[in-house]
Amino acid sequence: MIGFLRGKLALKAPPLLMLDVNGVGYEVEAPMTTFYNLPVLGTEVMLHTHLVVREDAHILFGFSTEADRAMFRTLIKVNGVGPKLALAILSGQSAEEFHRCIHNNDTQTLVRLPGVGKKTAERLVIEMRDRLPDLGESVDATAAGADKMQPVNNPKQEAISALCSLGYKPLDATKMVQHINIEGKSCEDIIRLALQGSVR
């Protein structure tokens, strides 16, 4: 098992990023909560990782905190929740918001996340309620001074592509970003605003 990776950030294309670890490029899929904390390209970062082995692929998932990785590992133990859906859940809500939904039996908020239907939301509430205490403290607040991603050619289009990768339909993803003032905003900023709007 690969527990963590430390290397230079070589690529940011949500939900995919790449770390250059001593000349080897590791492709890692990460939730948007991790992308929000990433520094500029070329900076050294450390990610807590979880390796998923399938017949056709070995997929690394990366997280900025151990708490996020613990939440991911607990989510994929829930019947019907795979790695992709767990990633979408962690992208659409902070750990604190997810905890609140579970403890308040708030399935109405959970079903607004991509890929989460009524039955899955009810299953999450039932199965996660007893598991949440084992996750320890919630994720710490993100450092206010974290560097933003470097400018991209078309952050709006990249944001739409990232939302599609998280499980939203292309038309829905387009609608989620069309009313956002994208001037001066990075891809991550647009995704953050789109996801915040989708769960309200």
C-alpha atoms as a PDB file:
ATOM      1  CA  MET A   1       0.000   0.000   0.000  1.00  0.00           C
ATOM      2  CA  ILE A   2       1.251   3.493  -0.839  1.00  0.00           C
ATOM      3  CA  GLY A   3       0.563   5.594   2.265  1.00  0.00           C
ATOM      4  CA  PHE A   4       1.707   8.990   0.996  1.00  0.00           C
ATOM      5  CA  LEU A   5       3.538  10.741  -1.821  1.00  0.00           C
ATOM      6  CA  ARG A   6       5.850  13.716  -1.557  1.00  0.00           C
ATOM      7  CA  GLY A   7       6.960  15.453  -4.717  1.00  0.00           C
ATOM      8  CA  LYS A   8       6.647  18.457  -6.998  1.00  0.00           C
ATOM      9  CA  LEU A   9       3.216  19.325  -8.308  1.00  0.00           C
ATOM     10  CA  ALA A  10       3.469  18.802 -12.074  1.00  0.00           C
ATOM     11  CA  LEU A  11      -0.170  18.957 -13.222  1.00  0.00           C
ATOM     12  CA  LYS A  12      -3.540  20.164 -11.959  1.00  0.00           C
ATOM     13  CA  ALA A  13      -6.540  19.124 -14.069  1.00  0.00           C
ATOM     14  CA  PRO A  14      -9.410  18.392 -11.643  1.00  0.00           C
ATOM     15  CA  PRO A  15     -10.037  15.724 -10.538  1.00  0.00           C
ATOM     16  CA  LEU A  16      -6.588  14.573 -11.772  1.00  0.00           C
ATOM     17  CA  LEU A  17      -3.237  15.812 -10.561  1.00  0.00           C
ATOM     18  CA  MET A  18       0.319  14.585 -11.071  1.00  0.00           C
ATOM     19  CA  LEU A  19       3.238  14.527  -8.653  1.00  0.00           C
ATOM     20  CA  ASP A  20       6.819  14.312  -9.844  1.00  0.00           C
ATOM     21  CA  VAL A  21       8.469  12.065  -7.254  1.00  0.00           C
ATOM     22  CA  ASN A  22      12.183  11.810  -8.027  1.00  0.00           C
ATOM     23  CA  GLY A  23      11.539  11.841 -11.753  1.00  0.00           C
ATOM     24  CA  VAL A  24       8.522   9.509 -11.692  1.00  0.00           C
ATOM     25  CA  GLY A  25       5.116  11.038 -12.450  1.00  0.00           C
ATOM     26  CA  TYR A  26       2.307   9.678 -10.267  1.00  0.00           C
ATOM     27  CA  GLU A  27      -1.228  10.332 -11.485  1.00  0.00           C
ATOM     28  CA  VAL A  28      -3.545  10.907  -8.536  1.00  0.00           C
ATOM     29  CA  GLU A  29      -7.290  11.564  -8.382  1.00  0.00           C
ATOM     30  CA  ALA A  30      -8.329  13.961  -5.641  1.00  0.00           C
ATOM     31  CA  PRO A  31     -11.485  15.651  -4.343  1.00  0.00           C
ATOM     32  CA  MET A  32     -11.949  19.375  -4.829  1.00  0.00           C
ATOM     33  CA  THR A  33     -11.347  19.954  -1.117  1.00  0.00           C
ATOM     34  CA  THR A  34      -7.755  18.903  -1.814  1.00  0.00           C
ATOM     35  CA  PHE A  35      -7.454  20.995  -4.991  1.00  0.00           C
ATOM     36  CA  TYR A  36      -8.528  24.106  -3.078  1.00  0.00           C
ATOM     37  CA  ASN A  37      -5.418  23.700  -0.894  1.00  0.00           C
ATOM     38  CA  LEU A  38      -2.872  23.003  -3.619  1.00  0.00           C
ATOM     39  CA  PRO A  39      -0.022  25.477  -4.201  1.00  0.00           C
ATOM     40  CA  VAL A  40       1.301  26.615  -7.576  1.00  0.00           C
ATOM     41  CA  LEU A  41       2.826  24.151 -10.017  1.00  0.00           C
ATOM     42  CA  GLY A  42       6.411  23.189  -9.266  1.00  0.00           C
ATOM     43  CA  THR A  43       5.932  23.410  -5.506  1.00  0.00           C
ATOM     44  CA  GLU A  44       6.622  20.374  -3.325  1.00  0.00           C
ATOM     45  CA  VAL A  45       3.525  18.872  -1.726  1.00  0.00           C
ATOM     46  CA  MET A  46       2.657  15.811   0.333  1.00  0.00           C
ATOM     47  CA  LEU A  47      -0.548  13.860  -0.176  1.00  0.00           C
ATOM     48  CA  HIS A  48      -2.040  11.059   1.914  1.00  0.00           C
ATOM     49  CA  THR A  49      -2.971   8.351  -0.562  1.00  0.00           C
ATOM     50  CA  HIS A  50      -5.236   5.351  -0.962  1.00  0.00           C
ATOM     51  CA  LEU A  51      -4.596   2.757  -3.674  1.00  0.00           C
ATOM     52  CA  VAL A  52      -7.540   1.048  -5.367  1.00  0.00           C
ATOM     53  CA  VAL A  53      -6.614  -2.100  -7.306  1.00  0.00           C
ATOM     54  CA  ARG A  54      -8.914  -3.247 -10.104  1.00  0.00           C
ATOM     55  CA  GLU A  55      -8.475  -5.863 -12.776  1.00  0.00           C
ATOM     56  CA  ASP A  56      -7.881  -3.200 -15.416  1.00  0.00           C
ATOM     57  CA  ALA A  57      -6.157  -0.465 -13.408  1.00  0.00           C
ATOM     58  CA  HIS A  58      -4.388   0.637 -10.232  1.00  0.00           C
ATOM     59  CA  ILE A  59      -5.800   4.023  -9.180  1.00  0.00           C
ATOM     60  CA  LEU A  60      -4.252   6.329  -6.597  1.00  0.00           C
ATOM     61  CA  PHE A  61      -6.473   8.742  -4.686  1.00  0.00           C
ATOM     62  CA  GLY A  62      -4.854  11.636  -2.853  1.00  0.00           C
ATOM     63  CA  PHE A  63      -5.948  13.836   0.039  1.00  0.00           C
ATOM     64  CA  SER A  64      -4.493  16.886   1.732  1.00  0.00           C
ATOM     65  CA  THR A  65      -5.343  15.593   5.221  1.00  0.00           C
ATOM     66  CA  GLU A  66      -5.500  12.233   6.965  1.00  0.00           C
ATOM     67  CA  ALA A  67      -9.059  13.069   8.039  1.00  0.00           C
ATOM     68  CA  ASP A  68     -10.193  13.323   4.408  1.00  0.00           C
ATOM     69  CA  ARG A  69      -8.542  10.003   3.589  1.00  0.00           C
ATOM     70  CA  ALA A  70     -10.197   8.390   6.609  1.00  0.00           C
ATOM     71  CA  MET A  71     -13.566   9.739   5.465  1.00  0.00           C
ATOM     72  CA  PHE A  72     -12.941   8.384   1.947  1.00  0.00           C
ATOM     73  CA  ARG A  73     -12.035   4.935   3.292  1.00  0.00           C
ATOM     74  CA  THR A  74     -15.151   4.879   5.446  1.00  0.00           C
ATOM     75  CA  LEU A  75     -17.392   5.990   2.593  1.00  0.00           C
ATOM     76  CA  ILE A  76     -16.254   3.239   0.226  1.00  0.00           C
ATOM     77  CA  LYS A  77     -17.221   0.656   2.853  1.00  0.00           C
ATOM     78  CA  VAL A  78     -20.850   1.719   2.483  1.00  0.00           C
ATOM     79  CA  ASN A  79     -22.814  -0.587   0.215  1.00  0.00           C
ATOM     80  CA  GLY A  80     -23.236   1.010  -3.204  1.00  0.00           C
ATOM     81  CA  VAL A  81     -20.591   3.706  -2.692  1.00  0.00           C
ATOM     82  CA  GLY A  82     -17.507   3.284  -4.853  1.00  0.00           C
ATOM     83  CA  PRO A  83     -14.361   5.437  -5.039  1.00  0.00           C
ATOM     84  CA  LYS A  84     -15.785   7.765  -7.713  1.00  0.00           C
ATOM     85  CA  LEU A  85     -18.931   8.512  -5.718  1.00  0.00           C
ATOM     86  CA  ALA A  86     -16.909   8.957  -2.517  1.00  0.00           C
ATOM     87  CA  LEU A  87     -14.730  11.471  -4.353  1.00  0.00           C
ATOM     88  CA  ALA A  88     -17.813  13.354  -5.543  1.00  0.00           C
ATOM     89  CA  ILE A  89     -19.226  13.469  -1.999  1.00  0.00           C
ATOM     90  CA  LEU A  90     -15.964  14.842  -0.607  1.00  0.00           C
ATOM     91  CA  SER A  91     -15.865  17.406  -3.432  1.00  0.00           C
ATOM     92  CA  GLY A  92     -19.406  18.629  -2.853  1.00  0.00           C
ATOM     93  CA  GLN A  93     -19.260  19.024   0.918  1.00  0.00           C
ATOM     94  CA  SER A  94     -16.744  19.728   3.623  1.00  0.00           C
ATOM     95  CA  ALA A  95     -16.278  17.079   6.310  1.00  0.00           C
ATOM     96  CA  GLU A  96     -18.155  19.293   8.761  1.00  0.00           C
ATOM     97  CA  GLU A  97     -21.132  19.643   6.417  1.00  0.00           C
ATOM     98  CA  PHE A  98     -21.206  15.901   5.783  1.00  0.00           C
ATOM     99  CA  HIS A  99     -21.108  15.168   9.531  1.00  0.00           C
ATOM    100  CA  ARG A 100     -24.001  17.564  10.037  1.00  0.00           C
ATOM    101  CA  CYS A 101     -26.076  15.892   7.314  1.00  0.00           C
ATOM    102  CA  ILE A 102     -25.517  12.451   8.817  1.00  0.00           C
ATOM    103  CA  HIS A 103     -26.280  13.452  12.399  1.00  0.00           C
ATOM    104  CA  ASN A 104     -29.349  15.469  11.349  1.00  0.00           C
ATOM    105  CA  ASN A 105     -30.658  12.734   9.016  1.00  0.00           C
ATOM    106  CA  ASP A 106     -30.547  15.367   6.275  1.00  0.00           C
ATOM    107  CA  THR A 107     -31.015  13.182   3.198  1.00  0.00           C
ATOM    108  CA  GLN A 108     -32.484  16.150   1.295  1.00  0.00           C
ATOM    109  CA  THR A 109     -29.080  17.845   1.158  1.00  0.00           C
ATOM    110  CA  LEU A 110     -27.235  14.617   0.363  1.00  0.00           C
ATOM    111  CA  VAL A 111     -29.371  13.853  -2.720  1.00  0.00           C
ATOM    112  CA  ARG A 112     -28.201  17.121  -4.296  1.00  0.00           C
ATOM    113  CA  LEU A 113     -24.725  15.662  -4.618  1.00  0.00           C
ATOM    114  CA  PRO A 114     -23.921  14.017  -7.988  1.00  0.00           C
ATOM    115  CA  GLY A 115     -24.678  10.303  -8.039  1.00  0.00           C
ATOM    116  CA  VAL A 116     -26.498  10.293  -4.687  1.00  0.00           C
ATOM    117  CA  GLY A 117     -30.110   9.192  -4.999  1.00  0.00           C
ATOM    118  CA  LYS A 118     -32.685   8.898  -2.244  1.00  0.00           C
ATOM    119  CA  LYS A 119     -31.823   5.280  -1.396  1.00  0.00           C
ATOM    120  CA  THR A 120     -28.082   5.980  -1.330  1.00  0.00           C
ATOM    121  CA  ALA A 121     -28.631   9.025   0.890  1.00  0.00           C
ATOM    122  CA  GLU A 122     -30.700   6.967   3.331  1.00  0.00           C
ATOM    123  CA  ARG A 123     -28.052   4.227   3.306  1.00  0.00           C
ATOM    124  CA  LEU A 124     -25.316   6.793   4.003  1.00  0.00           C
ATOM    125  CA  VAL A 125     -27.208   8.150   7.008  1.00  0.00           C
ATOM    126  CA  ILE A 126     -27.830   4.703   8.442  1.00  0.00           C
ATOM    127  CA  GLU A 127     -24.396   3.196   7.853  1.00  0.00           C
ATOM    128  CA  MET A 128     -22.248   6.278   8.468  1.00  0.00           C
ATOM    129  CA  ARG A 129     -23.906   7.319  11.726  1.00  0.00           C
ATOM    130  CA  ASP A 130     -22.086   4.666  13.758  1.00  0.00           C
ATOM    131  CA  ARG A 131     -18.826   5.014  11.839  1.00  0.00           C
ATOM    132  CA  LEU A 132     -18.325   8.765  12.026  1.00  0.00           C
ATOM    133  CA  PRO A 133     -16.982   8.826  15.604  1.00  0.00           C
ATOM    134  CA  ASP A 134     -14.098   6.612  14.437  1.00  0.00           C
ATOM    135  CA  LEU A 135     -12.991   9.265  11.998  1.00  0.00           C
ATOM    136  CA  GLY A 136     -11.598  11.513  14.716  1.00  0.00           C
ATOM    137  CA  GLU A 137     -11.720  15.282  14.481  1.00  0.00           C
ATOM    138  CA  SER A 138     -13.124  17.013  11.444  1.00  0.00           C
ATOM    139  CA  VAL A 139     -10.862  18.402   8.790  1.00  0.00           C
ATOM    140  CA  ASP A 140      -8.993  21.513   9.957  1.00  0.00           C
ATOM    141  CA  ALA A 141      -9.763  24.804   8.306  1.00  0.00           C
ATOM    142  CA  THR A 142      -7.765  25.506   5.183  1.00  0.00           C
ATOM    143  CA  ALA A 143      -4.905  27.980   5.540  1.00  0.00           C
ATOM    144  CA  ALA A 144      -6.169  31.332   4.354  1.00  0.00           C
ATOM    145  CA  GLY A 145      -3.001  32.128   2.502  1.00  0.00           C
ATOM    146  CA  ALA A 146      -2.891  29.043   0.286  1.00  0.00           C
ATOM    147  CA  ASP A 147      -1.653  29.854  -3.204  1.00  0.00           C
ATOM    148  CA  LYS A 148      -4.118  29.738  -6.059  1.00  0.00           C
ATOM    149  CA  MET A 149      -3.650  27.741  -9.204  1.00  0.00           C
ATOM    150  CA  GLN A 150      -1.790  29.417 -12.014  1.00  0.00           C
ATOM    151  CA  PRO A 151      -3.936  31.028 -14.715  1.00  0.00           C
ATOM    152  CA  VAL A 152      -5.342  28.685 -17.335  1.00  0.00           C
ATOM    153  CA  ASN A 153      -6.494  29.337 -20.888  1.00  0.00           C
ATOM    154  CA  ASN A 154     -10.161  28.527 -20.269  1.00  0.00           C
ATOM    155  CA  PRO A 155     -10.961  28.032 -16.573  1.00  0.00           C
ATOM    156  CA  LYS A 156     -14.718  27.943 -17.239  1.00  0.00           C
ATOM    157  CA  GLN A 157     -14.426  25.029 -19.674  1.00  0.00           C
ATOM    158  CA  GLU A 158     -12.000  23.212 -17.383  1.00  0.00           C
ATOM    159  CA  ALA A 159     -14.464  23.657 -14.520  1.00  0.00           C
ATOM    160  CA  ILE A 160     -17.280  22.170 -16.610  1.00  0.00           C
ATOM    161  CA  SER A 161     -15.067  19.200 -17.530  1.00  0.00           C
ATOM    162  CA  ALA A 162     -14.145  18.676 -13.883  1.00  0.00           C
ATOM    163  CA  LEU A 163     -17.806  18.731 -12.828  1.00  0.00           C
ATOM    164  CA  CYS A 164     -18.578  16.133 -15.493  1.00  0.00           C
ATOM    165  CA  SER A 165     -15.762  13.974 -14.119  1.00  0.00           C
ATOM    166  CA  LEU A 166     -17.389  14.250 -10.682  1.00  0.00           C
ATOM    167  CA  GLY A 167     -20.622  12.792 -12.036  1.00  0.00           C
ATOM    168  CA  TYR A 168     -22.667  15.761 -13.269  1.00  0.00           C
ATOM    169  CA  LYS A 169     -24.242  15.636 -16.719  1.00  0.00           C
ATOM    170  CA  PRO A 170     -22.681  18.075 -19.233  1.00  0.00           C
ATOM    171  CA  LEU A 171     -25.862  20.164 -19.475  1.00  0.00           C
ATOM    172  CA  ASP A 172     -26.173  20.380 -15.681  1.00  0.00           C
ATOM    173  CA  ALA A 173     -22.490  21.237 -15.300  1.00  0.00           C
ATOM    174  CA  THR A 174     -22.843  24.028 -17.853  1.00  0.00           C
ATOM    175  CA  LYS A 175     -25.887  25.448 -16.068  1.00  0.00           C
ATOM    176  CA  MET A 176     -24.019  25.351 -12.748  1.00  0.00           C
ATOM    177  CA  VAL A 177     -21.287  27.687 -13.999  1.00  0.00           C
ATOM    178  CA  GLN A 178     -23.100  29.903 -16.512  1.00  0.00           C
ATOM    179  CA  HIS A 179     -24.265  32.430 -13.891  1.00  0.00           C
ATOM    180  CA  ILE A 180     -20.875  32.683 -12.158  1.00  0.00           C
ATOM    181  CA  ASN A 181     -18.782  35.783 -12.769  1.00  0.00           C
ATOM    182  CA  ILE A 182     -15.569  34.061 -13.849  1.00  0.00           C
ATOM    183  CA  GLU A 183     -13.460  37.206 -14.293  1.00  0.00           C
ATOM    184  CA  GLY A 184     -10.204  36.761 -12.389  1.00  0.00           C
ATOM    185  CA  LYS A 185     -11.259  33.369 -11.025  1.00  0.00           C
ATOM    186  CA  SER A 186      -9.321  30.125 -11.335  1.00  0.00           C
ATOM    187  CA  CYS A 187     -10.794  26.774 -12.324  1.00  0.00           C
ATOM    188  CA  GLU A 188     -10.899  25.762  -8.639  1.00  0.00           C
ATOM    189  CA  ASP A 189     -12.715  28.988  -7.692  1.00  0.00           C
ATOM    190  CA  ILE A 190     -15.399  28.354 -10.315  1.00  0.00           C
ATOM    191  CA  ILE A 191     -15.849  24.729  -9.229  1.00  0.00           C
ATOM    192  CA  ARG A 192     -16.109  25.771  -5.584  1.00  0.00           C
ATOM    193  CA  LEU A 193     -18.853  28.308  -6.365  1.00  0.00           C
ATOM    194  CA  ALA A 194     -20.695  25.852  -8.620  1.00  0.00           C
ATOM    195  CA  LEU A 195     -20.663  23.115  -5.965  1.00  0.00           C
ATOM    196  CA  GLN A 196     -21.757  25.542  -3.244  1.00  0.00           C
ATOM    197  CA  GLY A 197     -24.693  26.585  -5.381  1.00  0.00           C
ATOM    198  CA  SER A 198     -25.703  23.002  -6.147  1.00  0.00           C
ATOM    199  CA  VAL A 199     -26.187  21.993  -2.504  1.00  0.00           C
ATOM    200  CA  ARG A 200     -28.102  25.024  -1.320  1.00  0.00           C
END
